[in-house]
Amino acid sequence: MNRRSVILAAIILALIGAALPIAAALAVSWQRAVAAEQERLSEFADRAISRATLSFTEVGNALRSFDKLDVVPCSDTHIALMRKTTLDTRSVDEIGYYSDDGLLECTSWGMTHRDIHQALPDFVTEDGLEIVFNVYPMVSHGKLMTEVRYKNHNALIDPVRFADIMTDDDVSLAVGTSSGLLLGTLHAPDLDLVSKVLDDHSVPPSDDKLIAIRERAGLIAVAIEPRSRIMERVYGQLVMMIPLGILMAALIVAVVAWFLRRRLSPRGELASAVRRREFVVHYQPLIELKTGLCVGAEALVRWQRPGGVIVGPESFIPLAEESGLIVPITDQVVAAVVSDLGALLREAPGLHVAVNVSARDIKTGRILSVMRTALACTGIHAQQIWLEMTERGFMDITAARETLGLAREHGHVVSIDDFGTGYSSLSHLQDLPLDTLKIDKSFIDTICTDSATSSVTPHIIAMAKSLNLKIVAEGIETQLQADYLLEREVEYGQGWLFAKALPAAAFIAFYRGNVAQCINRGTEKT
């Protein structure tokens, strides 16, 4: 092989050696960019469907609020209430009243002077709201709206509300129903493409667009983005990598590895879950032992990981308390209680929900302002929200006494949770402004057994009664335990004997069934 051939072979090998890393970088960059954009689009779709669901929830709550009113239809008082509800409900532009024969008699603008008849619904939600699309508001003379009806009242919504979230300008959104009807759009999506997605409930192949869909509760959200944006990102990465060569590649690998380690650490995952609001609340029914009536529930937080896996609080609450992330998690729990059970709590003033409060919130008193803000203008009374804290919250006894005293002044019932497993003492209980004491499950488990701690439970009950505290027994699993507690005049109990912790909809159904059962039982006795 002559000199020229050697040089040529070396050049070819050098080009191949240079091309392979570049090709690999291009492939990896493309895959990563597509995956990241797809995940981002899925988040936008999730947020869009959540926004649409929230709009329906807000409107449904507004319309159902008129069921309880005892006013003359279309009187000045009725019209004023419709106008106030319209102003107070972000998603609603106008509220009206139909007579029983289907004529629109009045709206939040006043009396109607034309014959406007109800249209047949295009879609009915799972909770009974009737939806009519492309309604022209004959009274207010606005643009085409979406009508939501419940019984005799209706609300008009601007379709933009159903997809009204913050996105990049080149990301378009559409929200529709599982039956193929379009609710609203953002940034002018390709309607033919959206129509295919709504009809097939699947992502059609596309060479020039990335598409993500989410489906929940009869609604479908579609997020669309041009693939050209991904190419811009890929080329941007390669321009930086080529001049720097292997050194830059190594640096990028190191930075990515560091970032992933940080992102995927337990604390990083928990922080990400807080930002994404991945926490849901289940509700453990609280039963009055004497009557069997459900009088409340304990709000128990769960971490719903992407993919639907549910993580129990024992796996993340200690880390959340240590890192301070318990504060935003508590805020999300409070918001979920108001959103999930607000209508039920307004309907049943005697019902309450117990919210667990961290030691950090007890020390600072921050939870009181959070509660005041969350309950403002909701119709939920402060006494319907019980504040529960474990004995760890009493480490700073002076701060605890001040916070609990203020909580009771605001109207909240204050309870000590898991009594007997922490640091409290009888002197603390005597000094603190408490209403309720919860006996930990570990003591309930020893009832009617030969355990060395079986004698502790009656002493706890006697101590609580001497301090005039109501008693809640946790973890009741057998009728024998329930009978033992009832004989000793323990007021309340919760546990698998009655029900496990339930999602909001299941708890509402459980509560209504329990109340009906108790009423029937009372009728039979009479």
Protein backbone atom coordinates (compact mmCIF):
# COMPACT_ATOMS: atom_id res chain seq x y z
CA MET A 1 0.00 0.00 0.00
CA ASN A 2 1.54 3.31 -1.07
CA ARG A 3 1.54 6.55 0.88
CA ARG A 4 -1.51 7.90 -0.93
CA SER A 5 -3.49 4.74 -0.18
CA VAL A 6 -2.51 4.81 3.49
CA ILE A 7 -3.53 8.46 3.81
CA LEU A 8 -6.81 7.74 2.04
CA ALA A 9 -7.56 4.76 4.31
CA ALA A 10 -6.67 6.83 7.36
CA ILE A 11 -8.97 9.62 6.18
CA ILE A 12 -11.80 7.14 5.58
CA LEU A 13 -11.31 5.57 8.98
CA ALA A 14 -11.14 9.00 10.57
CA LEU A 15 -14.36 10.05 8.82
CA ILE A 16 -16.08 6.83 9.90
CA GLY A 17 -14.78 7.31 13.43
CA ALA A 18 -16.07 10.87 13.44
CA ALA A 19 -19.37 10.00 11.72
CA LEU A 20 -20.31 7.16 14.05
CA PRO A 21 -20.39 9.26 17.23
CA ILE A 22 -22.23 12.02 15.35
CA ALA A 23 -24.78 9.51 14.00
CA ALA A 24 -25.19 8.00 17.45
CA ALA A 25 -25.55 11.47 18.95
CA LEU A 26 -28.15 12.34 16.32
CA ALA A 27 -30.15 9.17 17.00
CA VAL A 28 -29.97 9.57 20.78
CA SER A 29 -30.75 13.27 20.55
CA TRP A 30 -33.74 12.58 18.32
CA GLN A 31 -35.12 9.83 20.56
CA ARG A 32 -34.64 11.87 23.70
CA ALA A 33 -36.15 14.96 22.14
CA VAL A 34 -39.19 13.03 20.90
CA ALA A 35 -39.70 11.32 24.26
CA ALA A 36 -39.35 14.60 26.16
CA GLU A 37 -41.74 16.42 23.82
CA GLN A 38 -44.21 13.55 23.94
CA GLU A 39 -44.18 13.62 27.72
CA ARG A 40 -44.56 17.39 27.69
CA LEU A 41 -47.51 17.15 25.30
CA SER A 42 -49.08 14.53 27.54
CA GLU A 43 -48.77 16.93 30.47
CA PHE A 44 -50.51 19.66 28.44
CA ALA A 45 -53.27 17.19 27.55
CA ASP A 46 -53.59 16.19 31.20
CA ARG A 47 -53.86 19.82 32.23
CA ALA A 48 -56.40 20.54 29.48
CA ILE A 49 -58.67 17.66 30.52
CA SER A 50 -58.30 18.71 34.16
CA ARG A 51 -59.28 22.25 33.16
CA ALA A 52 -62.35 20.98 31.29
CA THR A 53 -63.29 18.75 34.23
CA LEU A 54 -62.86 21.68 36.60
CA SER A 55 -65.09 23.82 34.38
CA PHE A 56 -67.84 21.18 34.48
CA THR A 57 -67.38 20.80 38.24
CA GLU A 58 -67.59 24.55 38.83
CA VAL A 59 -70.65 24.90 36.61
CA GLY A 60 -72.31 21.80 38.08
CA ASN A 61 -71.78 23.08 41.63
CA ALA A 62 -73.17 26.48 40.63
CA LEU A 63 -76.30 24.99 39.03
CA ARG A 64 -76.90 22.51 41.84
CA SER A 65 -76.73 25.33 44.37
CA PHE A 66 -80.12 26.53 43.09
CA ASP A 67 -81.77 23.23 44.14
CA LYS A 68 -81.72 24.30 47.76
CA LEU A 69 -83.08 27.80 47.20
CA ASP A 70 -86.62 28.62 48.22
CA VAL A 71 -87.26 31.64 46.02
CA VAL A 72 -89.94 32.50 43.48
CA PRO A 73 -88.58 31.71 39.98
CA CYS A 74 -87.58 34.83 38.05
CA SER A 75 -88.30 37.10 41.00
CA ASP A 76 -85.89 39.96 41.65
CA THR A 77 -84.25 37.83 44.35
CA HIS A 78 -83.86 34.85 42.01
CA ILE A 79 -82.36 36.96 39.21
CA ALA A 80 -79.99 38.63 41.66
CA LEU A 81 -78.82 35.21 42.88
CA MET A 82 -78.25 34.03 39.31
CA ARG A 83 -76.27 37.20 38.59
CA LYS A 84 -74.16 36.78 41.74
CA THR A 85 -73.46 33.12 40.93
CA THR A 86 -72.43 34.13 37.40
CA LEU A 87 -69.97 36.69 38.77
CA ASP A 88 -68.62 34.29 41.40
CA THR A 89 -68.09 31.35 39.00
CA ARG A 90 -65.11 31.84 36.68
CA SER A 91 -66.31 29.39 34.03
CA VAL A 92 -69.85 30.79 33.73
CA ASP A 93 -70.84 33.70 31.47
CA GLU A 94 -74.60 33.59 31.99
CA ILE A 95 -77.19 31.63 33.99
CA GLY A 96 -80.83 31.16 33.02
CA TYR A 97 -84.04 29.54 34.23
CA TYR A 98 -86.34 27.30 32.15
CA SER A 99 -89.95 26.77 33.12
CA ASP A 100 -91.25 23.21 33.34
CA ASP A 101 -92.56 23.46 29.77
CA GLY A 102 -89.06 24.20 28.45
CA LEU A 103 -89.28 27.97 27.88
CA LEU A 104 -86.45 30.27 29.00
CA GLU A 105 -88.17 32.63 31.43
CA CYS A 106 -85.28 34.72 32.74
CA THR A 107 -81.50 34.91 32.94
CA SER A 108 -78.88 36.63 35.03
CA TRP A 109 -79.45 39.57 32.67
CA GLY A 110 -83.13 39.79 33.60
CA MET A 111 -86.47 38.67 32.18
CA THR A 112 -86.65 37.27 28.64
CA HIS A 113 -89.12 38.66 26.11
CA ARG A 114 -88.86 36.02 23.40
CA ASP A 115 -89.90 32.38 23.15
CA ILE A 116 -86.64 30.49 23.60
CA HIS A 117 -87.07 26.73 23.90
CA GLN A 118 -84.76 24.14 25.37
CA ALA A 119 -82.70 22.27 22.81
CA LEU A 120 -82.10 18.54 23.04
CA PRO A 121 -78.76 17.77 24.72
CA ASP A 122 -75.80 16.74 22.56
CA PHE A 123 -74.05 15.05 25.48
CA VAL A 124 -74.80 14.08 29.10
CA THR A 125 -71.99 13.89 31.66
CA GLU A 126 -71.61 11.08 34.18
CA ASP A 127 -73.05 13.27 36.93
CA GLY A 128 -76.16 14.25 34.97
CA LEU A 129 -75.22 17.58 33.36
CA GLU A 130 -76.81 18.07 29.92
CA ILE A 131 -74.54 19.73 27.33
CA VAL A 132 -75.71 21.59 24.22
CA PHE A 133 -73.12 22.89 21.74
CA ASN A 134 -73.19 26.01 19.53
CA VAL A 135 -75.86 27.89 21.44
CA TYR A 136 -76.41 31.48 20.40
CA PRO A 137 -77.26 33.52 23.53
CA MET A 138 -80.43 35.26 22.38
CA VAL A 139 -80.63 37.31 25.56
CA SER A 140 -77.06 38.64 25.87
CA HIS A 141 -76.42 38.54 22.09
CA GLY A 142 -72.87 37.23 22.48
CA LYS A 143 -70.92 34.71 20.43
CA LEU A 144 -71.71 31.01 20.11
CA MET A 145 -71.54 29.35 23.52
CA THR A 146 -71.82 25.92 25.14
CA GLU A 147 -74.90 25.39 27.31
CA VAL A 148 -74.79 23.27 30.48
CA ARG A 149 -78.16 22.38 32.02
CA TYR A 150 -79.19 20.88 35.31
CA LYS A 151 -82.90 20.57 36.00
CA ASN A 152 -84.51 24.01 35.43
CA HIS A 153 -81.30 26.06 35.35
CA ASN A 154 -78.71 26.42 32.63
CA ALA A 155 -75.31 28.07 32.31
CA LEU A 156 -73.57 29.41 29.20
CA ILE A 157 -69.83 28.84 28.88
CA ASP A 158 -67.37 30.22 26.37
CA PRO A 159 -65.90 27.10 24.64
CA VAL A 160 -62.42 28.58 25.14
CA ARG A 161 -62.81 27.79 28.88
CA PHE A 162 -62.53 24.05 28.20
CA ALA A 163 -58.95 24.35 26.91
CA ASP A 164 -57.86 27.51 28.69
CA ILE A 165 -54.36 26.62 29.94
CA MET A 166 -50.87 28.07 29.45
CA THR A 167 -48.94 26.44 26.58
CA ASP A 168 -46.25 27.37 24.07
CA ASP A 169 -47.55 29.18 20.99
CA ASP A 170 -46.78 26.25 18.68
CA VAL A 171 -48.64 23.71 20.85
CA SER A 172 -52.31 23.46 19.93
CA LEU A 173 -54.98 21.82 22.05
CA ALA A 174 -58.48 20.43 21.62
CA VAL A 175 -60.88 19.03 24.20
CA GLY A 176 -63.88 16.91 23.22
CA THR A 177 -66.20 14.18 24.43
CA SER A 178 -65.75 10.44 24.07
CA SER A 179 -68.71 10.50 21.67
CA GLY A 180 -66.72 12.66 19.22
CA LEU A 181 -68.09 16.14 19.98
CA LEU A 182 -65.65 19.06 20.19
CA LEU A 183 -65.83 21.18 23.35
CA GLY A 184 -63.09 23.77 22.83
CA THR A 185 -59.71 24.48 21.19
CA LEU A 186 -56.57 26.52 21.75
CA HIS A 187 -54.07 27.80 19.14
CA ALA A 188 -56.11 26.59 16.12
CA PRO A 189 -55.38 22.84 15.93
CA ASP A 190 -55.87 20.80 12.74
CA LEU A 191 -59.59 20.04 13.06
CA ASP A 192 -59.48 17.12 10.62
CA LEU A 193 -56.77 15.51 12.71
CA VAL A 194 -58.66 16.27 15.94
CA SER A 195 -61.82 14.75 14.46
CA LYS A 196 -59.97 11.50 13.71
CA VAL A 197 -58.63 11.33 17.25
CA LEU A 198 -62.07 11.99 18.77
CA ASP A 199 -63.64 9.34 16.53
CA ASP A 200 -60.99 6.61 16.99
CA HIS A 201 -59.69 7.45 20.49
CA SER A 202 -56.18 6.73 19.17
CA VAL A 203 -53.20 8.67 17.80
CA PRO A 204 -53.10 8.54 13.98
CA PRO A 205 -49.64 8.34 12.33
CA SER A 206 -48.24 11.70 11.27
CA ASP A 207 -44.90 12.57 9.67
CA ASP A 208 -44.98 16.24 10.58
CA LYS A 209 -46.73 16.34 13.97
CA LEU A 210 -46.39 14.93 17.46
CA ILE A 211 -49.71 14.05 19.08
CA ALA A 212 -50.68 13.15 22.64
CA ILE A 213 -54.14 12.27 23.94
CA ARG A 214 -55.60 11.81 27.38
CA GLU A 215 -59.04 10.38 28.16
CA ARG A 216 -60.87 10.64 31.45
CA ALA A 217 -64.49 10.74 32.66
CA GLY A 218 -65.96 10.85 29.17
CA LEU A 219 -63.62 13.63 27.98
CA ILE A 220 -60.68 13.51 25.57
CA ALA A 221 -57.85 16.06 25.34
CA VAL A 222 -55.56 16.25 22.30
CA ALA A 223 -52.21 18.11 22.25
CA ILE A 224 -50.43 18.67 18.90
CA GLU A 225 -46.96 20.06 18.08
CA PRO A 226 -44.96 20.28 14.81
CA ARG A 227 -42.03 17.84 14.60
CA SER A 228 -39.93 20.68 13.18
CA ARG A 229 -39.51 22.00 16.69
CA ILE A 230 -37.78 18.77 17.69
CA MET A 231 -35.34 19.07 14.76
CA GLU A 232 -34.39 22.55 15.93
CA ARG A 233 -33.50 21.14 19.35
CA VAL A 234 -31.57 18.20 17.89
CA TYR A 235 -29.52 20.43 15.57
CA GLY A 236 -28.82 22.79 18.43
CA GLN A 237 -27.32 19.97 20.46
CA LEU A 238 -25.20 18.72 17.55
CA VAL A 239 -23.77 22.17 16.77
CA MET A 240 -22.37 22.30 20.28
CA MET A 241 -21.15 18.70 20.27
CA ILE A 242 -19.20 18.70 16.99
CA PRO A 243 -16.61 21.45 17.82
CA LEU A 244 -16.01 20.14 21.30
CA GLY A 245 -15.74 16.51 20.23
CA ILE A 246 -15.22 13.72 22.67
CA LEU A 247 -14.53 16.08 25.58
CA MET A 248 -17.87 17.78 25.20
CA ALA A 249 -19.62 14.41 24.73
CA ALA A 250 -18.08 13.17 27.97
CA LEU A 251 -19.12 16.37 29.73
CA ILE A 252 -22.69 16.06 28.44
CA VAL A 253 -22.86 12.43 29.59
CA ALA A 254 -21.59 13.46 33.02
CA VAL A 255 -24.07 16.34 33.29
CA VAL A 256 -26.96 14.14 32.18
CA ALA A 257 -25.94 11.41 34.63
CA TRP A 258 -25.75 13.98 37.45
CA PHE A 259 -29.09 15.44 36.51
CA LEU A 260 -30.78 12.03 36.32
CA ARG A 261 -29.31 10.97 39.67
CA ARG A 262 -30.65 14.15 41.20
CA ARG A 263 -33.99 13.94 39.37
CA LEU A 264 -34.52 10.27 40.25
CA SER A 265 -33.43 10.51 43.87
CA PRO A 266 -36.28 9.91 46.36
CA ARG A 267 -36.37 13.58 47.33
CA GLY A 268 -36.23 14.69 43.70
CA GLU A 269 -39.09 12.38 42.76
CA LEU A 270 -41.15 13.65 45.67
CA ALA A 271 -40.47 17.28 44.74
CA SER A 272 -41.50 16.52 41.16
CA ALA A 273 -44.68 14.85 42.41
CA VAL A 274 -45.51 17.99 44.38
CA ARG A 275 -45.02 20.17 41.30
CA ARG A 276 -47.15 17.84 39.19
CA ARG A 277 -49.84 17.60 41.90
CA GLU A 278 -49.72 13.81 41.82
CA PHE A 279 -51.33 13.48 45.24
CA VAL A 280 -54.89 12.26 45.66
CA VAL A 281 -57.00 11.94 48.78
CA HIS A 282 -58.91 8.89 49.99
CA TYR A 283 -61.46 9.19 52.77
CA GLN A 284 -61.69 6.78 55.74
CA PRO A 285 -65.28 6.85 57.07
CA LEU A 286 -65.76 7.74 60.75
CA ILE A 287 -68.68 5.92 62.38
CA GLU A 288 -70.67 6.83 65.46
CA LEU A 289 -70.54 3.50 67.30
CA LYS A 290 -73.83 3.94 69.12
CA THR A 291 -75.92 4.53 65.97
CA GLY A 292 -73.77 3.16 63.14
CA LEU A 293 -74.11 6.54 61.37
CA CYS A 294 -71.23 7.88 59.30
CA VAL A 295 -70.51 11.32 60.78
CA GLY A 296 -67.25 12.13 59.06
CA ALA A 297 -64.08 10.95 57.37
CA GLU A 298 -60.34 11.21 57.73
CA ALA A 299 -58.55 12.60 54.67
CA LEU A 300 -55.65 10.27 53.86
CA VAL A 301 -53.16 11.35 51.21
CA ARG A 302 -51.97 8.94 48.52
CA TRP A 303 -49.25 9.42 45.89
CA GLN A 304 -50.58 8.41 42.49
CA ARG A 305 -47.47 7.76 40.42
CA PRO A 306 -47.50 8.07 36.61
CA GLY A 307 -49.01 4.87 35.34
CA GLY A 308 -51.59 4.75 38.14
CA VAL A 309 -49.50 3.06 40.88
CA ILE A 310 -50.72 4.22 44.32
CA VAL A 311 -48.08 4.78 47.01
CA GLY A 312 -49.18 4.78 50.67
CA PRO A 313 -48.25 7.64 53.02
CA GLU A 314 -45.87 5.51 55.09
CA SER A 315 -43.53 5.46 52.06
CA PHE A 316 -43.20 9.21 51.58
CA ILE A 317 -44.59 11.20 54.55
CA PRO A 318 -41.39 10.82 56.69
CA LEU A 319 -39.28 12.13 53.78
CA ALA A 320 -41.83 14.88 53.14
CA GLU A 321 -41.65 16.00 56.78
CA GLU A 322 -37.86 15.87 56.80
CA SER A 323 -37.52 17.84 53.55
CA GLY A 324 -40.28 20.38 54.21
CA LEU A 325 -42.33 19.13 51.25
CA ILE A 326 -45.07 18.21 53.70
CA VAL A 327 -46.18 21.86 53.57
CA PRO A 328 -47.27 21.93 49.88
CA ILE A 329 -48.60 18.37 50.21
CA THR A 330 -50.85 19.50 53.07
CA ASP A 331 -52.04 22.42 50.93
CA GLN A 332 -52.92 20.01 48.10
CA VAL A 333 -54.83 17.79 50.55
CA VAL A 334 -56.86 20.77 51.81
CA ALA A 335 -57.62 21.84 48.23
CA ALA A 336 -58.66 18.28 47.34
CA VAL A 337 -61.04 18.07 50.33
CA VAL A 338 -62.78 21.29 49.28
CA SER A 339 -62.95 20.17 45.65
CA ASP A 340 -63.94 16.53 46.33
CA LEU A 341 -66.43 16.95 49.15
CA GLY A 342 -67.42 20.62 49.06
CA ALA A 343 -70.92 19.94 47.74
CA LEU A 344 -71.49 17.10 50.22
CA LEU A 345 -70.27 19.17 53.19
CA ARG A 346 -72.61 22.00 52.22
CA GLU A 347 -75.45 19.52 51.88
CA ALA A 348 -74.71 17.83 55.23
CA PRO A 349 -73.57 20.44 57.80
CA GLY A 350 -73.19 17.71 60.44
CA LEU A 351 -70.57 15.89 58.39
CA HIS A 352 -66.88 16.62 58.95
CA VAL A 353 -63.50 15.79 57.40
CA ALA A 354 -60.37 15.37 59.52
CA VAL A 355 -57.15 16.70 57.97
CA ASN A 356 -53.75 15.63 59.30
CA VAL A 357 -51.49 18.55 60.19
CA SER A 358 -47.71 18.31 60.37
CA ALA A 359 -45.50 19.36 63.27
CA ARG A 360 -44.10 22.15 61.09
CA ASP A 361 -47.58 23.64 60.60
CA ILE A 362 -48.34 23.32 64.30
CA LYS A 363 -45.16 25.18 65.21
CA THR A 364 -45.71 28.03 62.72
CA GLY A 365 -49.50 28.18 62.78
CA ARG A 366 -49.47 28.48 58.98
CA ILE A 367 -52.26 25.92 58.58
CA LEU A 368 -54.80 28.33 60.04
CA SER A 369 -54.42 30.88 57.24
CA VAL A 370 -54.40 28.06 54.68
CA MET A 371 -57.71 26.78 56.05
CA ARG A 372 -59.24 30.23 56.21
CA THR A 373 -58.35 30.93 52.57
CA ALA A 374 -59.45 27.48 51.36
CA LEU A 375 -62.85 27.65 53.07
CA ALA A 376 -63.64 31.27 52.15
CA CYS A 377 -66.82 31.58 50.07
CA THR A 378 -67.26 27.77 49.88
CA GLY A 379 -70.15 27.40 52.31
CA ILE A 380 -68.10 24.89 54.32
CA HIS A 381 -68.06 25.67 58.06
CA ALA A 382 -64.83 25.63 60.04
CA GLN A 383 -66.30 23.09 62.49
CA GLN A 384 -66.66 20.68 59.56
CA ILE A 385 -62.87 20.54 59.24
CA TRP A 386 -61.14 18.74 62.10
CA LEU A 387 -57.43 19.27 62.53
CA GLU A 388 -55.55 16.13 63.52
CA MET A 389 -51.96 16.11 64.65
CA THR A 390 -49.71 13.35 65.89
CA GLU A 391 -47.81 13.62 69.13
CA ARG A 392 -44.72 14.76 67.21
CA GLY A 393 -46.54 18.06 66.76
CA PHE A 394 -46.34 18.68 70.52
CA MET A 395 -42.55 18.79 70.75
CA ASP A 396 -42.78 22.60 71.02
CA ILE A 397 -45.54 22.68 73.61
CA THR A 398 -45.79 26.49 73.75
CA ALA A 399 -46.25 26.87 70.00
CA ALA A 400 -48.68 23.94 69.95
CA ARG A 401 -50.81 25.48 72.70
CA GLU A 402 -51.02 28.78 70.82
CA THR A 403 -51.84 27.21 67.42
CA LEU A 404 -54.43 24.82 68.81
CA GLY A 405 -56.08 27.57 70.81
CA LEU A 406 -56.40 29.75 67.71
CA ALA A 407 -57.71 26.79 65.71
CA ARG A 408 -60.52 26.27 68.20
CA GLU A 409 -61.28 30.00 68.18
CA HIS A 410 -61.68 29.77 64.41
CA GLY A 411 -64.19 26.95 64.94
CA HIS A 412 -62.08 23.87 64.12
CA VAL A 413 -62.25 20.71 66.20
CA VAL A 414 -58.77 19.71 67.36
CA SER A 415 -57.75 16.08 67.70
CA ILE A 416 -54.60 14.23 68.77
CA ASP A 417 -53.90 11.31 66.43
CA ASP A 418 -52.24 7.93 67.15
CA PHE A 419 -52.23 8.58 70.89
CA GLY A 420 -49.78 6.50 72.87
CA THR A 421 -47.16 6.08 70.13
CA GLY A 422 -45.29 9.37 70.48
CA TYR A 423 -43.99 11.86 72.99
CA SER A 424 -47.08 13.26 74.72
CA SER A 425 -47.75 12.94 78.38
CA LEU A 426 -50.75 13.38 80.63
CA SER A 427 -49.51 16.85 81.62
CA HIS A 428 -49.42 17.87 77.95
CA LEU A 429 -52.96 16.65 77.40
CA GLN A 430 -54.14 18.61 80.41
CA ASP A 431 -52.45 21.79 79.17
CA LEU A 432 -53.43 21.62 75.50
CA PRO A 433 -56.79 22.81 74.09
CA LEU A 434 -57.97 19.49 72.62
CA ASP A 435 -61.41 18.15 71.71
CA THR A 436 -60.78 14.59 70.58
CA LEU A 437 -58.30 11.79 71.25
CA LYS A 438 -57.70 8.99 68.74
CA ILE A 439 -56.53 5.66 70.13
CA ASP A 440 -53.89 4.13 67.89
CA LYS A 441 -54.68 0.89 66.05
CA SER A 442 -51.87 -0.94 67.87
CA PHE A 443 -53.90 -0.69 71.11
CA ILE A 444 -57.20 -1.62 69.44
CA ASP A 445 -55.52 -4.79 68.08
CA THR A 446 -54.88 -5.99 71.65
CA ILE A 447 -58.53 -5.85 72.73
CA CYS A 448 -59.70 -9.21 74.17
CA THR A 449 -56.23 -10.72 73.72
CA ASP A 450 -53.54 -11.87 76.14
CA SER A 451 -51.14 -9.16 74.93
CA ALA A 452 -49.09 -7.37 77.56
CA THR A 453 -50.50 -4.04 76.35
CA SER A 454 -54.15 -5.16 76.32
CA SER A 455 -54.77 -3.40 79.62
CA VAL A 456 -53.59 -0.04 78.25
CA THR A 457 -56.70 0.63 76.17
CA PRO A 458 -59.18 0.96 79.09
CA HIS A 459 -56.73 3.29 80.87
CA ILE A 460 -56.52 5.52 77.77
CA ILE A 461 -60.33 5.58 77.56
CA ALA A 462 -60.65 6.48 81.24
CA MET A 463 -57.99 9.20 80.96
CA ALA A 464 -59.69 10.76 77.90
CA LYS A 465 -63.06 10.80 79.62
CA SER A 466 -61.55 12.42 82.73
CA LEU A 467 -60.34 15.22 80.44
CA ASN A 468 -63.75 15.50 78.73
CA LEU A 469 -62.31 14.44 75.38
CA LYS A 470 -64.30 12.66 72.70
CA ILE A 471 -62.69 9.35 71.71
CA VAL A 472 -62.07 7.88 68.27
CA ALA A 473 -60.82 4.28 68.01
CA GLU A 474 -58.68 3.60 64.94
CA GLY A 475 -58.29 0.30 63.11
CA ILE A 476 -61.45 -1.52 64.24
CA GLU A 477 -61.52 -4.78 62.31
CA THR A 478 -63.87 -7.06 64.25
CA GLN A 479 -67.33 -6.74 65.77
CA LEU A 480 -65.84 -7.95 69.06
CA GLN A 481 -63.61 -4.87 69.18
CA ALA A 482 -66.53 -2.59 68.30
CA ASP A 483 -68.73 -4.10 71.06
CA TYR A 484 -65.90 -3.75 73.60
CA LEU A 485 -65.48 -0.06 72.76
CA LEU A 486 -69.23 0.60 72.73
CA GLU A 487 -69.57 -0.92 76.19
CA ARG A 488 -66.98 1.59 77.41
CA GLU A 489 -68.86 4.49 75.78
CA VAL A 490 -66.27 5.22 73.12
CA GLU A 491 -68.05 7.62 70.77
CA TYR A 492 -66.49 7.01 67.35
CA GLY A 493 -64.62 4.36 65.43
CA GLN A 494 -63.04 3.79 62.05
CA GLY A 495 -61.53 0.74 60.45
CA TRP A 496 -62.06 -2.05 57.93
CA LEU A 497 -65.05 -3.37 59.88
CA PHE A 498 -66.94 -0.38 58.50
CA ALA A 499 -65.03 0.58 55.34
CA LYS A 500 -61.55 1.02 53.95
CA ALA A 501 -60.27 4.42 52.88
CA LEU A 502 -62.27 5.28 49.75
CA PRO A 503 -61.80 7.60 46.75
CA ALA A 504 -64.05 10.67 46.89
CA ALA A 505 -66.84 9.33 44.68
CA ALA A 506 -66.91 6.00 46.53
CA PHE A 507 -67.00 7.75 49.92
CA ILE A 508 -69.91 9.96 48.84
CA ALA A 509 -71.80 6.84 47.73
CA PHE A 510 -70.92 5.09 51.01
CA TYR A 511 -72.12 8.07 53.05
CA ARG A 512 -75.44 8.35 51.24
CA GLY A 513 -76.02 4.61 51.56
CA ASN A 514 -75.14 4.66 55.25
CA VAL A 515 -77.50 7.57 55.98
CA ALA A 516 -80.33 5.86 54.08
CA GLN A 517 -79.70 2.61 55.95
CA CYS A 518 -79.74 4.38 59.33
CA ILE A 519 -82.97 6.18 58.43
CA ASN A 520 -84.60 2.90 57.39
CA ARG A 521 -83.40 1.23 60.56
CA GLY A 522 -84.89 4.06 62.60
CA THR A 523 -88.19 3.81 60.71
CA GLU A 524 -88.38 0.07 61.38
CA LYS A 525 -87.85 0.63 65.11
CA THR A 526 -90.61 3.22 65.19
